[in-house]
Amino acid sequence: MEEKKLLAQLEEIARQLDIELRWDDGEFTGGSCRLRNKRLLLINRSLPTFLKIEVLCRELSERDLSGIFILPAIREKLSTFR
């Protein structure tokens, strides 16, 4: 699957899990946090696409994904980060 399509699919999964994505600049890669009882996933917008995918996969692989439909290719990609 093309990287940009994969990234868009991962962003949609995060939305379905009610995780707010925030893209920002700085000297960090990315990760999840809580702000006022809200789950956030902060990602460095200047990263190359493949690293954005890695950050999203790493964070999403730690969540319960059983309640949402995920394309088999994406589910397989997520399983490599467990």
Protein backbone atom coordinates (compact mmCIF):
# COMPACT_ATOMS: atom_id res chain seq x y z
CA MET A 1 0.00 0.00 0.00
CA GLU A 2 1.25 3.49 -0.86
CA GLU A 3 2.67 5.35 2.18
CA LYS A 4 0.29 8.32 1.93
CA LYS A 5 -2.75 6.03 1.74
CA LEU A 6 -1.47 3.99 4.66
CA LEU A 7 -0.94 7.15 6.70
CA ALA A 8 -4.49 8.33 5.91
CA GLN A 9 -5.91 4.94 6.96
CA LEU A 10 -3.98 5.05 10.24
CA GLU A 11 -5.24 8.58 10.89
CA GLU A 12 -8.81 7.33 10.35
CA ILE A 13 -8.27 4.49 12.83
CA ALA A 14 -7.08 7.04 15.41
CA ARG A 15 -10.23 9.12 14.80
CA GLN A 16 -12.42 6.04 15.22
CA LEU A 17 -10.70 5.42 18.56
CA ASP A 18 -11.43 9.04 19.52
CA ILE A 19 -7.74 9.91 19.64
CA GLU A 20 -7.00 13.48 18.65
CA LEU A 21 -4.01 13.82 16.34
CA ARG A 22 -1.85 16.90 16.63
CA TRP A 23 0.89 17.68 14.16
CA ASP A 24 3.59 20.05 15.37
CA ASP A 25 7.23 20.95 14.85
CA GLY A 26 10.01 20.39 17.34
CA GLU A 27 12.79 18.08 18.38
CA PHE A 28 10.66 15.01 19.04
CA THR A 29 9.31 12.09 17.06
CA GLY A 30 5.89 11.68 18.61
CA GLY A 31 3.83 9.82 21.12
CA SER A 32 0.65 9.76 23.10
CA CYS A 33 -0.33 11.80 26.10
CA ARG A 34 -3.36 12.91 28.08
CA LEU A 35 -4.46 16.50 28.36
CA ARG A 36 -7.43 17.27 30.59
CA ASN A 37 -8.80 13.73 30.31
CA LYS A 38 -8.44 13.71 26.52
CA ARG A 39 -6.19 11.30 24.62
CA LEU A 40 -3.80 13.02 22.23
CA LEU A 41 -1.27 11.71 19.81
CA LEU A 42 1.40 14.27 19.00
CA ILE A 43 3.45 13.73 15.84
CA ASN A 44 6.27 15.80 14.42
CA ARG A 45 4.97 17.14 11.10
CA SER A 46 8.47 17.41 9.61
CA LEU A 47 9.14 13.66 9.83
CA PRO A 48 9.26 11.68 6.61
CA THR A 49 6.05 9.78 5.91
CA PHE A 50 7.49 6.38 6.81
CA LEU A 51 8.38 7.64 10.32
CA LYS A 52 4.92 9.17 10.80
CA ILE A 53 3.55 5.72 9.94
CA GLU A 54 5.86 4.10 12.48
CA VAL A 55 4.74 6.48 15.24
CA LEU A 56 1.07 5.86 14.47
CA CYS A 57 1.56 2.09 14.22
CA ARG A 58 3.47 1.96 17.49
CA GLU A 59 0.81 3.92 19.33
CA LEU A 60 -2.22 2.27 17.73
CA SER A 61 -0.83 -1.24 18.26
CA GLU A 62 -1.12 -0.65 22.01
CA ARG A 63 -4.87 0.04 21.78
CA ASP A 64 -7.85 -2.30 21.71
CA LEU A 65 -8.67 -2.47 18.00
CA SER A 66 -11.15 -5.32 18.20
CA GLY A 67 -14.22 -3.08 17.87
CA ILE A 68 -13.37 -1.48 14.54
CA PHE A 69 -12.84 -2.74 11.01
CA ILE A 70 -9.26 -2.53 9.83
CA LEU A 71 -8.08 -3.69 6.44
CA PRO A 72 -6.08 -6.93 6.77
CA ALA A 73 -2.90 -5.35 5.34
CA ILE A 74 -3.05 -2.58 7.93
CA ARG A 75 -3.86 -4.99 10.77
CA GLU A 76 -0.81 -7.03 9.74
CA LYS A 77 1.36 -3.89 9.73
CA LEU A 78 0.11 -2.98 13.22
CA SER A 79 0.85 -6.48 14.52
CA THR A 80 4.56 -6.03 13.73
CA PHE A 81 4.74 -3.28 16.39
CA ARG A 82 3.47 -5.37 19.31
